[in-house]
């Protein structure tokens, strides 16, 4: 994206994103899934396009996941909506006071977020939930632009190791210097200067939640910590010297 092409609003960003066809493998997969469908959703008109971010445009907390689920966000067109990962995530956000309801079924279900914006490092559903490094690099400009437009963001919750690594790479790209802790649940990075802090969490995937690697109590601790880290600034305050990502 050249400076002249940079979107001025999140709405403009969404229009650019949803027509993206940069990664042939991902384009082919997301569209194949949207055509063949899953039997349980045979009557759905699948979204089948890149999935934009979702949430409060004035959010202080940015939540970054991995990628849309083939029959979740790739079906519904909204982040973490329509699958088990979203059920676990939004229930926790509701308990923490960030979400208006504990479920996310489709775009018209009434869900709203307060002080939180949810996005991902890859916007198209990848085969086996595994985007390649090249695909992540191709998608990174979209996350960069969202972070630039979300000017109130003070902290990031990275869901999973890949999201954590990608967020750290963006901060380094923007000039941050730090020795980051290795990825682990509840690992916290607080860079010097005016860069956002980064809190790592295990991803709320079905594999993690059903095996007990990530429990509801562990996940609640993430959002409690995020609340505590955000508590030093009023909700509507915007720092005039904040680094623009």
C-alpha atoms as a PDB file:
ATOM      1  CA  UNK A   1       0.000   0.000   0.000  1.00  0.00           C
ATOM      2  CA  UNK A   2       1.465   3.354  -1.044  1.00  0.00           C
ATOM      3  CA  UNK A   3       0.828   6.467   1.098  1.00  0.00           C
ATOM      4  CA  UNK A   4      -1.704   7.616  -1.472  1.00  0.00           C
ATOM      5  CA  UNK A   5      -3.603   4.325  -1.164  1.00  0.00           C
ATOM      6  CA  UNK A   6      -3.780   4.286   2.625  1.00  0.00           C
ATOM      7  CA  UNK A   7      -7.368   4.100   3.862  1.00  0.00           C
ATOM      8  CA  UNK A   8      -8.572   6.959   6.026  1.00  0.00           C
ATOM      9  CA  UNK A   9     -11.175   4.955   7.963  1.00  0.00           C
ATOM     10  CA  UNK A  10     -11.776   1.374   9.043  1.00  0.00           C
ATOM     11  CA  UNK A  11     -14.687   1.270   6.607  1.00  0.00           C
ATOM     12  CA  UNK A  12     -12.346   2.130   3.726  1.00  0.00           C
ATOM     13  CA  UNK A  13      -9.937  -0.489   5.016  1.00  0.00           C
ATOM     14  CA  UNK A  14     -12.667  -3.129   4.926  1.00  0.00           C
ATOM     15  CA  UNK A  15     -13.559  -2.329   1.311  1.00  0.00           C
ATOM     16  CA  UNK A  16      -9.924  -2.788   0.279  1.00  0.00           C
ATOM     17  CA  UNK A  17      -9.496  -5.960   2.288  1.00  0.00           C
ATOM     18  CA  UNK A  18     -12.516  -7.945   1.164  1.00  0.00           C
ATOM     19  CA  UNK A  19     -11.512  -7.842  -2.516  1.00  0.00           C
ATOM     20  CA  UNK A  20      -7.958  -9.044  -1.838  1.00  0.00           C
ATOM     21  CA  UNK A  21      -6.726 -11.957  -3.995  1.00  0.00           C
ATOM     22  CA  UNK A  22      -3.007 -11.813  -3.174  1.00  0.00           C
ATOM     23  CA  UNK A  23      -2.617 -15.466  -2.169  1.00  0.00           C
ATOM     24  CA  UNK A  24      -3.822 -17.928  -4.838  1.00  0.00           C
ATOM     25  CA  UNK A  25      -3.812 -20.937  -2.484  1.00  0.00           C
ATOM     26  CA  UNK A  26      -5.975 -19.167   0.080  1.00  0.00           C
ATOM     27  CA  UNK A  27      -8.334 -17.705  -2.507  1.00  0.00           C
ATOM     28  CA  UNK A  28      -8.893 -21.173  -3.991  1.00  0.00           C
ATOM     29  CA  UNK A  29      -9.462 -22.780  -0.586  1.00  0.00           C
ATOM     30  CA  UNK A  30     -11.810 -20.173   0.880  1.00  0.00           C
ATOM     31  CA  UNK A  31     -13.941 -20.239  -2.279  1.00  0.00           C
ATOM     32  CA  UNK A  32     -13.979 -24.036  -2.491  1.00  0.00           C
ATOM     33  CA  UNK A  33     -15.165 -24.267   1.119  1.00  0.00           C
ATOM     34  CA  UNK A  34     -17.820 -21.631   0.440  1.00  0.00           C
ATOM     35  CA  UNK A  35     -19.092 -23.669  -2.510  1.00  0.00           C
ATOM     36  CA  UNK A  36     -18.969 -27.207  -1.121  1.00  0.00           C
ATOM     37  CA  UNK A  37     -20.048 -26.112   2.403  1.00  0.00           C
ATOM     38  CA  UNK A  38     -20.541 -28.341   5.429  1.00  0.00           C
ATOM     39  CA  UNK A  39     -23.742 -30.362   5.582  1.00  0.00           C
ATOM     40  CA  UNK A  40     -24.869 -28.581   8.748  1.00  0.00           C
ATOM     41  CA  UNK A  41     -24.642 -25.245   6.914  1.00  0.00           C
ATOM     42  CA  UNK A  42     -25.869 -26.279   3.455  1.00  0.00           C
ATOM     43  CA  UNK A  43     -28.500 -23.507   3.488  1.00  0.00           C
ATOM     44  CA  UNK A  44     -25.998 -20.772   4.349  1.00  0.00           C
ATOM     45  CA  UNK A  45     -24.675 -18.315   1.794  1.00  0.00           C
ATOM     46  CA  UNK A  46     -21.024 -18.494   2.835  1.00  0.00           C
ATOM     47  CA  UNK A  47     -19.017 -15.267   3.049  1.00  0.00           C
ATOM     48  CA  UNK A  48     -16.038 -16.828   1.243  1.00  0.00           C
ATOM     49  CA  UNK A  49     -13.914 -13.642   1.219  1.00  0.00           C
ATOM     50  CA  UNK A  50     -11.183 -12.129   3.426  1.00  0.00           C
ATOM     51  CA  UNK A  51     -12.619 -11.367   6.865  1.00  0.00           C
ATOM     52  CA  UNK A  52     -12.288  -7.789   8.199  1.00  0.00           C
ATOM     53  CA  UNK A  53     -11.708  -6.829  11.812  1.00  0.00           C
ATOM     54  CA  UNK A  54     -14.644  -6.299  14.141  1.00  0.00           C
ATOM     55  CA  UNK A  55     -15.328  -4.241  17.235  1.00  0.00           C
ATOM     56  CA  UNK A  56     -15.083  -0.817  18.837  1.00  0.00           C
ATOM     57  CA  UNK A  57     -13.315   1.715  16.565  1.00  0.00           C
ATOM     58  CA  UNK A  58     -12.171   3.551  19.711  1.00  0.00           C
ATOM     59  CA  UNK A  59     -10.850   0.393  21.362  1.00  0.00           C
ATOM     60  CA  UNK A  60      -7.879   0.503  23.685  1.00  0.00           C
ATOM     61  CA  UNK A  61      -7.443  -3.263  23.454  1.00  0.00           C
ATOM     62  CA  UNK A  62      -6.610  -5.048  20.202  1.00  0.00           C
ATOM     63  CA  UNK A  63      -7.134  -8.816  20.058  1.00  0.00           C
ATOM     64  CA  UNK A  64      -5.177 -10.601  17.324  1.00  0.00           C
ATOM     65  CA  UNK A  65      -5.963 -14.169  16.298  1.00  0.00           C
ATOM     66  CA  UNK A  66      -4.550 -16.455  13.629  1.00  0.00           C
ATOM     67  CA  UNK A  67      -7.023 -16.810  10.757  1.00  0.00           C
ATOM     68  CA  UNK A  68     -10.710 -17.328   9.948  1.00  0.00           C
ATOM     69  CA  UNK A  69     -12.133 -20.802  10.479  1.00  0.00           C
ATOM     70  CA  UNK A  70     -13.256 -22.509   7.288  1.00  0.00           C
ATOM     71  CA  UNK A  71     -16.840 -22.953   8.514  1.00  0.00           C
ATOM     72  CA  UNK A  72     -16.745 -20.195  11.128  1.00  0.00           C
ATOM     73  CA  UNK A  73     -15.658 -16.736   9.995  1.00  0.00           C
ATOM     74  CA  UNK A  74     -15.311 -17.853   6.377  1.00  0.00           C
ATOM     75  CA  UNK A  75     -19.002 -18.696   6.574  1.00  0.00           C
ATOM     76  CA  UNK A  76     -20.302 -15.779   8.644  1.00  0.00           C
ATOM     77  CA  UNK A  77     -17.942 -12.979   7.566  1.00  0.00           C
ATOM     78  CA  UNK A  78     -17.162 -11.852  11.128  1.00  0.00           C
ATOM     79  CA  UNK A  79     -14.122 -12.609  13.255  1.00  0.00           C
ATOM     80  CA  UNK A  80     -14.463 -15.591  15.627  1.00  0.00           C
ATOM     81  CA  UNK A  81     -18.137 -16.003  14.744  1.00  0.00           C
ATOM     82  CA  UNK A  82     -19.871 -19.312  14.180  1.00  0.00           C
ATOM     83  CA  UNK A  83     -17.411 -21.825  15.619  1.00  0.00           C
ATOM     84  CA  UNK A  84     -16.158 -23.262  18.910  1.00  0.00           C
ATOM     85  CA  UNK A  85     -13.222 -20.854  19.168  1.00  0.00           C
ATOM     86  CA  UNK A  86     -15.589 -17.920  18.998  1.00  0.00           C
ATOM     87  CA  UNK A  87     -17.928 -19.471  21.550  1.00  0.00           C
ATOM     88  CA  UNK A  88     -15.038 -19.714  24.025  1.00  0.00           C
ATOM     89  CA  UNK A  89     -13.673 -16.245  23.225  1.00  0.00           C
ATOM     90  CA  UNK A  90     -16.909 -14.249  23.374  1.00  0.00           C
ATOM     91  CA  UNK A  91     -18.082 -15.983  26.544  1.00  0.00           C
ATOM     92  CA  UNK A  92     -14.841 -14.842  28.208  1.00  0.00           C
ATOM     93  CA  UNK A  93     -15.096 -11.319  26.801  1.00  0.00           C
ATOM     94  CA  UNK A  94     -18.664 -11.127  28.100  1.00  0.00           C
ATOM     95  CA  UNK A  95     -17.593 -12.226  31.567  1.00  0.00           C
ATOM     96  CA  UNK A  96     -14.911  -9.520  31.496  1.00  0.00           C
ATOM     97  CA  UNK A  97     -17.363  -6.825  30.404  1.00  0.00           C
ATOM     98  CA  UNK A  98     -15.953  -6.358  26.909  1.00  0.00           C
ATOM     99  CA  UNK A  99     -18.811  -8.024  24.966  1.00  0.00           C
ATOM    100  CA  UNK A 100     -22.552  -7.363  25.093  1.00  0.00           C
ATOM    101  CA  UNK A 101     -23.416 -11.073  24.980  1.00  0.00           C
ATOM    102  CA  UNK A 102     -21.593 -14.396  25.438  1.00  0.00           C
ATOM    103  CA  UNK A 103     -22.158 -15.803  21.946  1.00  0.00           C
ATOM    104  CA  UNK A 104     -21.542 -14.946  18.288  1.00  0.00           C
ATOM    105  CA  UNK A 105     -23.659 -16.759  15.704  1.00  0.00           C
ATOM    106  CA  UNK A 106     -23.865 -14.407  12.712  1.00  0.00           C
ATOM    107  CA  UNK A 107     -23.412 -10.757  11.773  1.00  0.00           C
ATOM    108  CA  UNK A 108     -26.980  -9.794  12.753  1.00  0.00           C
ATOM    109  CA  UNK A 109     -27.018 -11.416  16.207  1.00  0.00           C
ATOM    110  CA  UNK A 110     -26.730  -8.104  18.083  1.00  0.00           C
ATOM    111  CA  UNK A 111     -23.197  -8.601  19.403  1.00  0.00           C
ATOM    112  CA  UNK A 112     -21.253  -5.424  20.178  1.00  0.00           C
ATOM    113  CA  UNK A 113     -17.832  -4.953  21.746  1.00  0.00           C
ATOM    114  CA  UNK A 114     -16.727  -2.197  24.109  1.00  0.00           C
ATOM    115  CA  UNK A 115     -13.097  -1.071  24.195  1.00  0.00           C
ATOM    116  CA  UNK A 116     -12.028  -4.127  22.135  1.00  0.00           C
ATOM    117  CA  UNK A 117     -11.311  -4.665  18.452  1.00  0.00           C
ATOM    118  CA  UNK A 118     -10.707  -8.172  17.092  1.00  0.00           C
ATOM    119  CA  UNK A 119      -8.601  -8.982  14.057  1.00  0.00           C
ATOM    120  CA  UNK A 120      -6.151 -11.643  12.815  1.00  0.00           C
ATOM    121  CA  UNK A 121      -2.768 -12.033  11.164  1.00  0.00           C
ATOM    122  CA  UNK A 122      -4.319 -13.905   8.205  1.00  0.00           C
ATOM    123  CA  UNK A 123      -7.694 -12.936   6.741  1.00  0.00           C
ATOM    124  CA  UNK A 124      -8.537 -15.946   4.591  1.00  0.00           C
ATOM    125  CA  UNK A 125      -9.290 -19.424   5.892  1.00  0.00           C
ATOM    126  CA  UNK A 126      -6.147 -21.535   5.289  1.00  0.00           C
ATOM    127  CA  UNK A 127      -6.109 -25.295   4.688  1.00  0.00           C
ATOM    128  CA  UNK A 128      -5.505 -27.133   7.982  1.00  0.00           C
ATOM    129  CA  UNK A 129      -5.502 -23.720   9.743  1.00  0.00           C
ATOM    130  CA  UNK A 130      -1.886 -23.247   8.613  1.00  0.00           C
ATOM    131  CA  UNK A 131      -1.053 -20.101   6.609  1.00  0.00           C
ATOM    132  CA  UNK A 132       2.452 -20.068   5.134  1.00  0.00           C
ATOM    133  CA  UNK A 133       5.065 -17.476   6.054  1.00  0.00           C
ATOM    134  CA  UNK A 134       4.627 -15.935   2.600  1.00  0.00           C
ATOM    135  CA  UNK A 135       0.866 -15.651   3.107  1.00  0.00           C
ATOM    136  CA  UNK A 136       1.331 -14.067   6.522  1.00  0.00           C
ATOM    137  CA  UNK A 137       3.739 -11.544   5.003  1.00  0.00           C
ATOM    138  CA  UNK A 138       1.265 -10.737   2.236  1.00  0.00           C
ATOM    139  CA  UNK A 139      -1.471 -10.127   4.811  1.00  0.00           C
ATOM    140  CA  UNK A 140       0.615  -8.089   7.263  1.00  0.00           C
ATOM    141  CA  UNK A 141      -0.077  -4.679   5.626  1.00  0.00           C
ATOM    142  CA  UNK A 142      -3.749  -5.018   6.524  1.00  0.00           C
ATOM    143  CA  UNK A 143      -2.972  -5.492  10.200  1.00  0.00           C
ATOM    144  CA  UNK A 144      -0.522  -2.600  10.050  1.00  0.00           C
ATOM    145  CA  UNK A 145      -3.211  -0.343   8.627  1.00  0.00           C
ATOM    146  CA  UNK A 146      -5.757  -1.388  11.227  1.00  0.00           C
ATOM    147  CA  UNK A 147      -3.268  -0.644  14.000  1.00  0.00           C
ATOM    148  CA  UNK A 148      -2.616   2.767  12.454  1.00  0.00           C
ATOM    149  CA  UNK A 149      -6.325   3.564  12.247  1.00  0.00           C
ATOM    150  CA  UNK A 150      -7.077   2.295  15.768  1.00  0.00           C
ATOM    151  CA  UNK A 151      -5.344   5.263  17.340  1.00  0.00           C
ATOM    152  CA  UNK A 152      -6.467   4.606  20.926  1.00  0.00           C
ATOM    153  CA  UNK A 153      -4.915   1.139  21.212  1.00  0.00           C
ATOM    154  CA  UNK A 154      -2.743   0.734  24.314  1.00  0.00           C
ATOM    155  CA  UNK A 155      -2.343  -3.032  24.397  1.00  0.00           C
ATOM    156  CA  UNK A 156      -2.589  -6.189  22.322  1.00  0.00           C
ATOM    157  CA  UNK A 157      -3.730  -9.665  23.318  1.00  0.00           C
ATOM    158  CA  UNK A 158      -2.124 -12.157  20.929  1.00  0.00           C
ATOM    159  CA  UNK A 159      -4.037 -15.419  20.663  1.00  0.00           C
ATOM    160  CA  UNK A 160      -1.507 -18.124  19.890  1.00  0.00           C
ATOM    161  CA  UNK A 161       2.183 -18.271  19.103  1.00  0.00           C
ATOM    162  CA  UNK A 162       1.928 -17.228  15.455  1.00  0.00           C
ATOM    163  CA  UNK A 163      -0.094 -14.124  16.305  1.00  0.00           C
ATOM    164  CA  UNK A 164       2.402 -13.282  19.052  1.00  0.00           C
ATOM    165  CA  UNK A 165       5.384 -13.561  16.690  1.00  0.00           C
ATOM    166  CA  UNK A 166       3.657 -11.501  14.001  1.00  0.00           C
ATOM    167  CA  UNK A 167       2.687  -8.707  16.416  1.00  0.00           C
ATOM    168  CA  UNK A 168       6.265  -8.510  17.738  1.00  0.00           C
ATOM    169  CA  UNK A 169       7.543  -8.309  14.161  1.00  0.00           C
ATOM    170  CA  UNK A 170       5.230  -5.363  13.485  1.00  0.00           C
ATOM    171  CA  UNK A 171       6.423  -3.538  16.604  1.00  0.00           C
ATOM    172  CA  UNK A 172      10.050  -4.048  15.595  1.00  0.00           C
ATOM    173  CA  UNK A 173       9.191  -2.852  12.092  1.00  0.00           C
ATOM    174  CA  UNK A 174       7.835   0.329  13.694  1.00  0.00           C
ATOM    175  CA  UNK A 175      11.047   0.926  15.628  1.00  0.00           C
ATOM    176  CA  UNK A 176      10.446  -0.776  18.964  1.00  0.00           C
ATOM    177  CA  UNK A 177      13.482  -2.385  20.605  1.00  0.00           C
ATOM    178  CA  UNK A 178      12.963  -5.088  23.219  1.00  0.00           C
ATOM    179  CA  UNK A 179      13.903  -8.531  24.472  1.00  0.00           C
ATOM    180  CA  UNK A 180      10.595 -10.338  24.262  1.00  0.00           C
ATOM    181  CA  UNK A 181       9.724 -13.221  26.550  1.00  0.00           C
ATOM    182  CA  UNK A 182       9.185 -16.512  24.710  1.00  0.00           C
ATOM    183  CA  UNK A 183       5.603 -17.288  23.829  1.00  0.00           C
ATOM    184  CA  UNK A 184       3.647 -18.760  26.697  1.00  0.00           C
ATOM    185  CA  UNK A 185       0.256 -18.290  28.240  1.00  0.00           C
ATOM    186  CA  UNK A 186       0.189 -14.956  30.111  1.00  0.00           C
ATOM    187  CA  UNK A 187       3.629 -13.865  28.836  1.00  0.00           C
ATOM    188  CA  UNK A 188       3.742 -10.059  28.898  1.00  0.00           C
ATOM    189  CA  UNK A 189       5.895  -7.650  26.881  1.00  0.00           C
ATOM    190  CA  UNK A 190       5.969  -3.985  27.839  1.00  0.00           C
ATOM    191  CA  UNK A 191       8.243  -2.177  25.352  1.00  0.00           C
ATOM    192  CA  UNK A 192       9.938   1.091  26.199  1.00  0.00           C
ATOM    193  CA  UNK A 193       8.501   4.225  24.658  1.00  0.00           C
ATOM    194  CA  UNK A 194       4.961   4.669  23.395  1.00  0.00           C
ATOM    195  CA  UNK A 195       4.437   1.231  21.924  1.00  0.00           C
ATOM    196  CA  UNK A 196       1.542  -0.966  23.064  1.00  0.00           C
ATOM    197  CA  UNK A 197       2.114  -3.758  25.527  1.00  0.00           C
ATOM    198  CA  UNK A 198       1.554  -7.319  24.281  1.00  0.00           C
ATOM    199  CA  UNK A 199      -0.052 -10.072  26.344  1.00  0.00           C
ATOM    200  CA  UNK A 200       0.150 -13.640  25.018  1.00  0.00           C
ATOM    201  CA  UNK A 201      -2.553 -16.263  25.401  1.00  0.00           C
ATOM    202  CA  UNK A 202      -3.037 -19.781  24.187  1.00  0.00           C
ATOM    203  CA  UNK A 203      -5.435 -19.749  21.255  1.00  0.00           C
ATOM    204  CA  UNK A 204      -9.029 -20.710  22.138  1.00  0.00           C
ATOM    205  CA  UNK A 205      -9.028 -23.472  19.536  1.00  0.00           C
ATOM    206  CA  UNK A 206     -11.104 -26.569  20.085  1.00  0.00           C
ATOM    207  CA  UNK A 207      -7.879 -28.565  20.398  1.00  0.00           C
ATOM    208  CA  UNK A 208      -6.664 -26.378  23.269  1.00  0.00           C
ATOM    209  CA  UNK A 209      -9.967 -26.029  25.114  1.00  0.00           C
ATOM    210  CA  UNK A 210     -11.092 -29.651  24.861  1.00  0.00           C
ATOM    211  CA  UNK A 211      -7.739 -30.999  26.042  1.00  0.00           C
ATOM    212  CA  UNK A 212      -7.609 -28.603  28.996  1.00  0.00           C
ATOM    213  CA  UNK A 213      -4.511 -26.812  27.754  1.00  0.00           C
ATOM    214  CA  UNK A 214      -6.613 -23.646  27.939  1.00  0.00           C
ATOM    215  CA  UNK A 215      -9.321 -23.552  30.596  1.00  0.00           C
ATOM    216  CA  UNK A 216     -11.994 -20.911  31.141  1.00  0.00           C
ATOM    217  CA  UNK A 217     -10.216 -19.836  34.321  1.00  0.00           C
ATOM    218  CA  UNK A 218      -6.887 -19.434  32.493  1.00  0.00           C
ATOM    219  CA  UNK A 219      -8.592 -17.421  29.766  1.00  0.00           C
ATOM    220  CA  UNK A 220     -10.382 -15.210  32.281  1.00  0.00           C
ATOM    221  CA  UNK A 221      -6.997 -14.347  33.789  1.00  0.00           C
ATOM    222  CA  UNK A 222      -5.920 -12.920  30.430  1.00  0.00           C
ATOM    223  CA  UNK A 223      -8.830 -10.484  30.301  1.00  0.00           C
ATOM    224  CA  UNK A 224      -8.475  -9.588  33.954  1.00  0.00           C
ATOM    225  CA  UNK A 225      -4.826  -8.715  33.337  1.00  0.00           C
ATOM    226  CA  UNK A 226      -5.764  -6.723  30.245  1.00  0.00           C
ATOM    227  CA  UNK A 227      -8.335  -4.789  32.271  1.00  0.00           C
ATOM    228  CA  UNK A 228      -5.737  -4.016  34.921  1.00  0.00           C
ATOM    229  CA  UNK A 229      -3.189  -2.833  32.358  1.00  0.00           C
ATOM    230  CA  UNK A 230      -5.792  -0.559  30.764  1.00  0.00           C
ATOM    231  CA  UNK A 231      -7.045   0.882  34.042  1.00  0.00           C
ATOM    232  CA  UNK A 232      -4.466   3.675  34.241  1.00  0.00           C
ATOM    233  CA  UNK A 233      -6.069   5.673  31.433  1.00  0.00           C
ATOM    234  CA  UNK A 234      -9.683   6.833  31.007  1.00  0.00           C
ATOM    235  CA  UNK A 235     -11.696   5.089  28.316  1.00  0.00           C
ATOM    236  CA  UNK A 236     -11.909   7.998  25.878  1.00  0.00           C
ATOM    237  CA  UNK A 237      -8.409   9.367  26.406  1.00  0.00           C
ATOM    238  CA  UNK A 238      -6.046   9.453  23.439  1.00  0.00           C
ATOM    239  CA  UNK A 239      -2.373  10.108  24.051  1.00  0.00           C
ATOM    240  CA  UNK A 240      -1.113  12.921  21.856  1.00  0.00           C
ATOM    241  CA  UNK A 241       2.404  11.468  21.659  1.00  0.00           C
ATOM    242  CA  UNK A 242       1.377   7.836  21.025  1.00  0.00           C
ATOM    243  CA  UNK A 243       3.341   6.130  18.284  1.00  0.00           C
ATOM    244  CA  UNK A 244       1.173   5.841  15.186  1.00  0.00           C
ATOM    245  CA  UNK A 245       1.466   2.295  13.907  1.00  0.00           C
END
